[in-house]
Amino acid sequence: MITADDFIAEAGRAGFDFYTGVPCSFLTPLINGVLSTPSLDYVGAASEGEAVAIASGAWLAGRRTVVMCQNSGLGNAVNPLTSLNAPFRIPTLFLTTWRGEPGIPDEPQHEVMGRITQDLIALMGLEQAPFPAGTQALAPALAHAAGRMKATGLPYAFVVRKDDVADTPLDQPPRALPPPGRRESFPGEGPRPVRAAVLERFLSLAPEAAAVIATTGKCGRELFTLADRPQHLYQVGSMGAASGMALGVALNNPRPVVVLDGDGAALMKLGTFATIGAHAPANLVHVLLDNGVHDSTGGQATVSASVDFAAIALACGYRQAFSCESLDGFEAAFRAALAEQGPSMIHLRIAPGSMAKLGRPTVGPAEVARRFQAFLASPV
């Protein structure tokens, strides 16, 4: 058995300094230890998949990351691990517990996942090892994990068993309530704009220093077709993960960070609004292009017609939220968002449909990630 301080110190020497995840009783000592260490960053995520996205953004911003979760949450993490980390070749040290380990009594909901934890990790194409059993094993285990992540560009998993880490008390100050945010509306007349027109206007307004993350589907494809720039990251999978990735970037880089989100994607990971509001990165602008449909799959309706995303953002702690229905309204909202402390939400209702000649990114995801990482590392 090791202590949380043992792991944190050795992981720090190996460069791991950014933690995110969802608690498990087997991870309580490690999470308590990280939360009680002022020099470390920990982002408590609303879901395991969100934590993977946040860590991906932090890695792009130059951090070496650790994601921690219960193996019951592996199901939530499968999508980003396979459709974000894998194609973009984004590594993270992934600590998952082994609830339901065969032969050890546990709750019935852990039985199936306990049988398949290691098989599921392997099926995702990830290397894994048991969590180091003693202090002498920590340094070589972490060095091996770091080496394999560098070689493969993929996450590496440690499987944590009960009592692998000694009990650790929690020293965490209570989180203060944020001040009330402000709301402003820019109503429009006439037909709603199409997404391509909004993106054209956005490209004319976005600062050269801004990092831009476009959600999966036609949003990223249209942005690429209109202008391919090093500061653009086009998500090609991991629906709903764009805002979490943007949060990871914004918390670790001072430049403006803009996420171009969609209504279907935002609804899929609505919990990320709360995480963004709680951590309140002042440099994050969340643009939600709401056409009311799943445009990439035939135009099936989402439920966004009955959703007030601006109100939700404010309720989650965003500093300001704007509702708009026209290109001029969007421009006014975007200029206001850039001029004030964020996080800011811009909810723009748009018309369904996409460009007639819609291309796909010709730059591979791994190359997109590395040129985006290089952009983030450049002077602001």
Protein backbone atom coordinates (compact mmCIF):
# COMPACT_ATOMS: atom_id res chain seq x y z
CA MET A 1 0.00 0.00 0.00
CA ILE A 2 1.17 3.51 -0.81
CA THR A 3 -0.01 6.93 0.33
CA ALA A 4 -1.58 9.60 -1.82
CA ASP A 5 1.43 11.81 -1.12
CA ASP A 6 3.72 9.06 -2.44
CA PHE A 7 1.83 8.89 -5.73
CA ILE A 8 1.39 12.64 -6.12
CA ALA A 9 5.08 13.31 -5.48
CA GLU A 10 6.30 10.64 -7.90
CA ALA A 11 3.72 11.61 -10.53
CA GLY A 12 4.85 15.21 -10.16
CA ARG A 13 8.45 14.20 -10.81
CA ALA A 14 7.20 12.46 -13.96
CA GLY A 15 5.49 15.70 -15.03
CA PHE A 16 1.85 14.90 -14.24
CA ASP A 17 0.29 18.05 -12.82
CA PHE A 18 -3.32 18.30 -14.01
CA TYR A 19 -6.04 16.03 -12.62
CA THR A 20 -9.69 15.61 -13.47
CA GLY A 21 -12.26 12.93 -12.91
CA VAL A 22 -15.33 11.61 -11.10
CA PRO A 23 -14.98 10.15 -7.58
CA CYS A 24 -15.00 6.51 -6.54
CA SER A 25 -14.55 5.25 -2.98
CA PHE A 26 -11.41 3.37 -4.11
CA LEU A 27 -10.03 6.71 -5.40
CA THR A 28 -11.00 8.78 -2.36
CA PRO A 29 -7.45 8.92 -0.96
CA LEU A 30 -5.94 10.04 -4.28
CA ILE A 31 -8.62 12.63 -4.99
CA ASN A 32 -8.43 13.94 -1.42
CA GLY A 33 -4.67 14.15 -1.74
CA VAL A 34 -4.84 16.10 -5.00
CA LEU A 35 -7.52 18.45 -3.68
CA SER A 36 -5.44 19.08 -0.57
CA THR A 37 -2.31 19.97 -2.59
CA PRO A 38 -2.47 23.69 -3.51
CA SER A 39 0.09 23.34 -6.29
CA LEU A 40 -2.10 20.89 -8.24
CA ASP A 41 -5.15 21.49 -10.42
CA TYR A 42 -8.16 19.21 -10.08
CA VAL A 43 -11.34 19.63 -12.11
CA GLY A 44 -14.25 17.61 -10.83
CA ALA A 45 -16.24 16.62 -13.91
CA ALA A 46 -19.96 15.93 -14.26
CA SER A 47 -19.23 12.69 -16.15
CA GLU A 48 -16.28 10.50 -16.97
CA GLY A 49 -16.48 11.34 -20.67
CA GLU A 50 -16.40 15.03 -19.81
CA ALA A 51 -13.27 14.44 -17.70
CA VAL A 52 -11.54 12.80 -20.68
CA ALA A 53 -12.44 15.82 -22.84
CA ILE A 54 -11.20 18.30 -20.22
CA ALA A 55 -7.92 16.42 -19.90
CA SER A 56 -7.56 16.41 -23.69
CA GLY A 57 -7.85 20.19 -23.76
CA ALA A 58 -5.36 20.54 -20.92
CA TRP A 59 -2.89 18.31 -22.79
CA LEU A 60 -3.24 20.45 -25.89
CA ALA A 61 -2.39 23.41 -23.66
CA GLY A 62 0.82 21.76 -22.52
CA ARG A 63 -0.15 19.90 -19.34
CA ARG A 64 0.52 16.25 -18.54
CA THR A 65 -2.82 14.93 -17.35
CA VAL A 66 -4.42 12.30 -15.13
CA VAL A 67 -8.06 11.16 -15.42
CA MET A 68 -9.54 9.27 -12.45
CA CYS A 69 -12.85 7.39 -12.42
CA GLN A 70 -14.72 4.32 -11.23
CA ASN A 71 -14.81 1.42 -13.66
CA SER A 72 -18.60 1.78 -13.76
CA GLY A 73 -17.87 5.04 -15.56
CA LEU A 74 -15.78 3.39 -18.25
CA GLY A 75 -18.95 3.21 -20.32
CA ASN A 76 -19.20 7.01 -20.24
CA ALA A 77 -15.54 7.33 -21.20
CA VAL A 78 -15.54 4.85 -24.11
CA ASN A 79 -16.77 7.39 -26.67
CA PRO A 80 -14.11 10.09 -26.14
CA LEU A 81 -11.35 7.55 -25.53
CA THR A 82 -12.09 5.91 -28.88
CA SER A 83 -13.29 8.85 -31.01
CA LEU A 84 -11.26 11.73 -29.51
CA ASN A 85 -8.05 10.44 -27.92
CA ALA A 86 -7.51 7.72 -30.51
CA PRO A 87 -7.83 9.70 -33.78
CA PHE A 88 -6.21 12.85 -32.37
CA ARG A 89 -3.50 10.81 -30.57
CA ILE A 90 -4.00 12.57 -27.24
CA PRO A 91 -2.53 10.73 -24.24
CA THR A 92 -3.58 10.81 -20.60
CA LEU A 93 -2.79 8.68 -17.58
CA PHE A 94 -6.11 6.95 -16.93
CA LEU A 95 -6.77 5.62 -13.42
CA THR A 96 -9.83 3.40 -13.22
CA THR A 97 -10.91 1.37 -10.21
CA TRP A 98 -11.83 -2.30 -10.09
CA ARG A 99 -15.19 -2.40 -8.39
CA GLY A 100 -16.79 -5.83 -8.72
CA GLU A 101 -13.48 -7.68 -8.84
CA PRO A 102 -14.37 -11.38 -9.16
CA GLY A 103 -14.19 -13.18 -5.82
CA ILE A 104 -14.52 -9.98 -3.76
CA PRO A 105 -18.04 -9.13 -2.50
CA ASP A 106 -19.41 -5.88 -3.95
CA GLU A 107 -22.68 -4.28 -4.96
CA PRO A 108 -24.64 -6.02 -7.76
CA GLN A 109 -24.32 -3.09 -10.19
CA HIS A 110 -20.56 -3.66 -10.33
CA GLU A 111 -20.68 -7.36 -11.18
CA VAL A 112 -20.63 -7.15 -14.98
CA MET A 113 -18.12 -4.30 -15.23
CA GLY A 114 -15.93 -6.03 -12.66
CA ARG A 115 -15.67 -9.04 -14.97
CA ILE A 116 -14.89 -7.04 -18.10
CA THR A 117 -12.84 -4.03 -16.90
CA GLN A 118 -9.46 -5.18 -18.22
CA ASP A 119 -10.99 -6.68 -21.36
CA LEU A 120 -12.79 -3.42 -22.12
CA ILE A 121 -9.61 -1.39 -21.71
CA ALA A 122 -7.78 -3.78 -24.03
CA LEU A 123 -10.66 -3.75 -26.53
CA MET A 124 -10.25 0.04 -26.77
CA GLY A 125 -6.64 -0.53 -27.77
CA LEU A 126 -5.16 0.90 -24.56
CA GLU A 127 -2.24 -0.52 -22.66
CA GLN A 128 -2.75 -1.12 -18.95
CA ALA A 129 -1.18 -2.36 -15.75
CA PRO A 130 -2.20 -2.91 -12.14
CA PHE A 131 -1.75 0.16 -9.96
CA PRO A 132 1.74 0.10 -8.41
CA ALA A 133 1.69 -1.96 -5.22
CA GLY A 134 4.47 -0.19 -3.31
CA THR A 135 6.48 3.01 -3.20
CA GLN A 136 9.49 1.39 -4.89
CA ALA A 137 7.33 0.41 -7.84
CA LEU A 138 5.93 3.90 -8.43
CA ALA A 139 8.81 5.53 -10.31
CA PRO A 140 9.41 2.69 -12.79
CA ALA A 141 5.66 2.20 -13.35
CA LEU A 142 5.09 5.89 -14.07
CA ALA A 143 8.19 6.06 -16.27
CA HIS A 144 6.95 3.07 -18.27
CA ALA A 145 3.47 4.61 -18.62
CA ALA A 146 4.91 7.94 -19.75
CA GLY A 147 7.15 6.20 -22.24
CA ARG A 148 4.32 4.19 -23.74
CA MET A 149 2.10 7.28 -24.00
CA LYS A 150 4.89 9.11 -25.81
CA ALA A 151 5.38 6.18 -28.17
CA THR A 152 1.71 5.54 -28.95
CA GLY A 153 0.09 8.92 -28.39
CA LEU A 154 -2.66 7.09 -26.51
CA PRO A 155 -3.86 6.93 -22.90
CA TYR A 156 -2.32 4.39 -20.54
CA ALA A 157 -4.44 2.85 -17.77
CA PHE A 158 -3.66 1.84 -14.20
CA VAL A 159 -6.35 -0.35 -12.59
CA VAL A 160 -6.78 0.57 -8.91
CA ARG A 161 -7.98 -2.04 -6.42
CA LYS A 162 -9.54 -1.45 -3.02
CA ASP A 163 -7.00 -0.32 -0.42
CA ASP A 164 -4.23 0.23 -2.99
CA VAL A 165 -3.87 3.70 -1.47
CA ALA A 166 -3.98 4.50 2.26
CA ASP A 167 -6.75 6.71 3.65
CA THR A 168 -6.15 10.42 3.21
CA PRO A 169 -8.18 13.22 4.83
CA LEU A 170 -9.72 15.95 2.72
CA ASP A 171 -8.68 19.57 3.12
CA GLN A 172 -10.84 21.48 0.66
CA PRO A 173 -12.36 24.92 1.26
CA PRO A 174 -16.04 25.29 0.39
CA ARG A 175 -16.79 26.70 -3.04
CA ALA A 176 -18.31 30.19 -2.94
CA LEU A 177 -21.43 31.01 -4.91
CA PRO A 178 -20.60 33.06 -8.02
CA PRO A 179 -22.11 36.51 -8.43
CA PRO A 180 -25.23 36.64 -10.61
CA GLY A 181 -24.46 36.85 -14.31
CA ARG A 182 -26.09 39.25 -16.71
CA ARG A 183 -28.28 38.50 -19.70
CA GLU A 184 -28.81 40.47 -22.88
CA SER A 185 -30.99 39.70 -25.88
CA PHE A 186 -30.58 40.75 -29.51
CA PRO A 187 -33.88 39.90 -31.21
CA GLY A 188 -33.89 39.74 -34.99
CA GLU A 189 -36.37 40.11 -37.80
CA GLY A 190 -36.73 38.00 -40.91
CA PRO A 191 -35.42 34.50 -41.56
CA ARG A 192 -32.80 33.01 -39.29
CA PRO A 193 -29.25 32.89 -40.68
CA VAL A 194 -27.69 29.64 -41.83
CA ARG A 195 -24.63 28.28 -40.04
CA ALA A 196 -22.21 29.02 -42.91
CA ALA A 197 -23.17 32.70 -42.84
CA VAL A 198 -22.62 32.81 -39.09
CA LEU A 199 -19.22 31.17 -39.46
CA GLU A 200 -18.23 33.66 -42.15
CA ARG A 201 -19.15 36.51 -39.82
CA PHE A 202 -17.35 34.79 -36.96
CA LEU A 203 -14.15 34.45 -39.02
CA SER A 204 -14.23 38.18 -39.73
CA LEU A 205 -14.54 38.94 -36.00
CA ALA A 206 -12.39 36.34 -34.24
CA PRO A 207 -9.08 37.70 -32.88
CA GLU A 208 -5.94 36.24 -34.45
CA ALA A 209 -4.89 35.06 -30.99
CA ALA A 210 -8.12 33.11 -30.41
CA ALA A 211 -8.12 29.33 -30.24
CA VAL A 212 -11.24 27.83 -31.85
CA ILE A 213 -12.72 24.39 -31.19
CA ALA A 214 -15.56 23.36 -33.51
CA THR A 215 -17.95 20.61 -32.50
CA THR A 216 -18.28 17.42 -34.49
CA GLY A 217 -20.39 17.20 -37.63
CA LYS A 218 -21.10 19.89 -40.18
CA CYS A 219 -19.97 22.79 -38.00
CA GLY A 220 -16.34 21.72 -38.16
CA ARG A 221 -16.63 20.76 -41.81
CA GLU A 222 -18.05 24.17 -42.74
CA LEU A 223 -15.41 25.99 -40.73
CA PHE A 224 -12.69 24.02 -42.53
CA THR A 225 -14.29 24.68 -45.91
CA LEU A 226 -14.44 28.42 -45.24
CA ALA A 227 -10.96 28.77 -43.72
CA ASP A 228 -8.41 26.27 -42.45
CA ARG A 229 -6.22 27.88 -39.81
CA PRO A 230 -3.70 26.49 -37.29
CA GLN A 231 -5.81 27.78 -34.39
CA HIS A 232 -8.80 25.68 -35.52
CA LEU A 233 -9.49 22.25 -34.06
CA TYR A 234 -12.19 20.28 -35.84
CA GLN A 235 -13.67 17.56 -33.68
CA VAL A 236 -14.52 14.58 -35.83
CA GLY A 237 -16.11 12.47 -33.11
CA SER A 238 -16.79 12.57 -29.37
CA MET A 239 -20.12 14.37 -29.70
CA GLY A 240 -20.67 16.74 -26.80
CA ALA A 241 -17.00 16.92 -25.84
CA ALA A 242 -16.08 20.22 -27.51
CA SER A 243 -17.05 22.40 -24.54
CA GLY A 244 -15.11 20.21 -22.09
CA MET A 245 -12.04 20.32 -24.31
CA ALA A 246 -12.39 24.11 -24.56
CA LEU A 247 -12.55 24.31 -20.77
CA GLY A 248 -9.33 22.32 -20.50
CA VAL A 249 -7.63 24.71 -22.92
CA ALA A 250 -9.02 27.88 -21.34
CA LEU A 251 -7.91 26.92 -17.83
CA ASN A 252 -4.34 26.47 -19.04
CA ASN A 253 -3.79 29.15 -21.68
CA PRO A 254 -4.40 32.92 -21.43
CA ARG A 255 -5.54 33.51 -25.01
CA PRO A 256 -9.22 33.79 -25.96
CA VAL A 257 -10.80 30.36 -26.42
CA VAL A 258 -13.98 29.99 -28.47
CA VAL A 259 -15.99 26.80 -28.70
CA LEU A 260 -18.46 26.52 -31.58
CA ASP A 261 -21.06 24.14 -30.21
CA GLY A 262 -24.35 22.70 -31.47
CA ASP A 263 -27.68 22.14 -29.75
CA GLY A 264 -27.56 18.34 -30.00
CA ALA A 265 -23.99 18.18 -28.77
CA ALA A 266 -24.64 20.61 -25.91
CA LEU A 267 -27.67 18.65 -24.76
CA MET A 268 -25.62 15.44 -24.75
CA LYS A 269 -23.13 16.87 -22.24
CA LEU A 270 -25.22 19.55 -20.54
CA GLY A 271 -23.38 18.89 -17.27
CA THR A 272 -20.31 20.58 -18.75
CA PHE A 273 -22.14 23.92 -18.42
CA ALA A 274 -21.97 23.48 -14.64
CA THR A 275 -18.29 22.59 -14.70
CA ILE A 276 -17.50 25.62 -16.86
CA GLY A 277 -19.52 27.90 -14.59
CA ALA A 278 -17.84 26.56 -11.46
CA HIS A 279 -14.29 27.03 -12.76
CA ALA A 280 -15.19 30.26 -14.56
CA PRO A 281 -12.39 30.75 -17.09
CA ALA A 282 -12.51 34.43 -17.97
CA ASN A 283 -11.21 33.78 -21.50
CA LEU A 284 -13.87 31.28 -22.65
CA VAL A 285 -16.63 32.19 -25.13
CA HIS A 286 -19.19 29.42 -25.69
CA VAL A 287 -21.04 29.92 -28.98
CA LEU A 288 -24.05 27.64 -29.34
CA LEU A 289 -25.38 27.45 -32.91
CA ASP A 290 -28.88 26.05 -32.44
CA ASN A 291 -30.61 24.85 -35.61
CA GLY A 292 -32.99 22.56 -33.71
CA VAL A 293 -31.96 19.41 -35.59
CA HIS A 294 -29.30 16.75 -35.89
CA ASP A 295 -28.10 18.14 -39.21
CA SER A 296 -25.47 15.50 -40.00
CA THR A 297 -27.86 12.58 -39.74
CA GLY A 298 -30.84 13.74 -41.78
CA GLY A 299 -32.35 16.63 -39.85
CA GLN A 300 -34.10 14.81 -37.02
CA ALA A 301 -35.36 17.33 -34.45
CA THR A 302 -33.58 17.86 -31.15
CA VAL A 303 -35.52 19.12 -28.12
CA SER A 304 -33.78 22.51 -28.18
CA ALA A 305 -36.94 24.42 -29.15
CA SER A 306 -38.04 24.20 -25.50
CA VAL A 307 -34.59 24.91 -24.04
CA ASP A 308 -33.32 28.33 -22.93
CA PHE A 309 -29.57 27.74 -23.12
CA ALA A 310 -28.73 31.28 -22.02
CA ALA A 311 -30.76 30.85 -18.84
CA ILE A 312 -29.11 27.49 -18.17
CA ALA A 313 -25.65 29.01 -18.61
CA LEU A 314 -26.41 31.79 -16.15
CA ALA A 315 -27.87 29.30 -13.66
CA CYS A 316 -24.61 27.32 -13.94
CA GLY A 317 -22.40 30.32 -13.18
CA TYR A 318 -21.54 31.87 -16.56
CA ARG A 319 -20.74 35.58 -16.18
CA GLN A 320 -22.94 36.66 -19.08
CA ALA A 321 -25.25 35.10 -21.62
CA PHE A 322 -26.59 36.48 -24.86
CA SER A 323 -29.58 35.37 -26.92
CA CYS A 324 -29.68 36.38 -30.58
CA GLU A 325 -31.45 35.51 -33.81
CA SER A 326 -29.59 37.43 -36.53
CA LEU A 327 -26.08 37.96 -37.87
CA ASP A 328 -25.96 41.51 -36.54
CA GLY A 329 -27.18 40.30 -33.17
CA PHE A 330 -24.50 37.63 -33.14
CA GLU A 331 -21.83 40.21 -33.97
CA ALA A 332 -22.97 42.50 -31.16
CA ALA A 333 -23.03 39.58 -28.71
CA PHE A 334 -19.61 38.30 -29.77
CA ARG A 335 -18.00 41.74 -29.47
CA ALA A 336 -19.52 42.14 -26.01
CA ALA A 337 -18.32 38.69 -24.94
CA LEU A 338 -14.75 39.46 -26.02
CA ALA A 339 -14.81 42.76 -24.14
CA GLU A 340 -15.89 41.31 -20.80
CA GLN A 341 -14.82 38.67 -18.32
CA GLY A 342 -16.19 35.23 -19.12
CA PRO A 343 -17.23 32.59 -19.33
CA SER A 344 -19.78 33.86 -21.82
CA MET A 345 -22.59 32.06 -23.59
CA ILE A 346 -23.89 33.18 -26.98
CA HIS A 347 -27.04 31.28 -27.96
CA LEU A 348 -27.92 31.89 -31.60
CA ARG A 349 -30.94 30.22 -33.16
CA ILE A 350 -30.15 29.46 -36.81
CA ALA A 351 -31.81 27.77 -39.77
CA PRO A 352 -31.17 24.09 -40.54
CA GLY A 353 -29.08 23.16 -43.55
CA SER A 354 -25.48 23.33 -44.66
CA MET A 355 -23.27 24.47 -47.51
CA ALA A 356 -23.99 22.93 -50.92
CA LYS A 357 -20.31 22.13 -51.51
CA LEU A 358 -19.31 20.93 -48.07
CA GLY A 359 -15.78 19.63 -47.70
CA ARG A 360 -14.15 17.53 -45.03
CA PRO A 361 -10.88 18.34 -43.27
CA THR A 362 -8.01 17.07 -45.40
CA VAL A 363 -5.61 17.45 -42.48
CA GLY A 364 -5.60 14.33 -40.29
CA PRO A 365 -6.82 14.62 -36.70
CA ALA A 366 -3.39 13.92 -35.17
CA GLU A 367 -1.83 16.66 -37.30
CA VAL A 368 -4.68 19.04 -36.44
CA ALA A 369 -4.07 18.40 -32.73
CA ARG A 370 -0.33 19.02 -32.94
CA ARG A 371 -0.51 22.18 -34.99
CA PHE A 372 -3.22 23.41 -32.58
CA GLN A 373 -0.92 22.55 -29.66
CA ALA A 374 1.93 24.46 -31.34
CA PHE A 375 -0.39 27.45 -31.84
CA LEU A 376 -1.30 27.42 -28.15
CA ALA A 377 2.39 27.35 -27.24
CA SER A 378 3.15 30.41 -29.38
CA PRO A 379 3.30 33.90 -27.81
CA VAL A 380 -0.07 35.56 -27.29
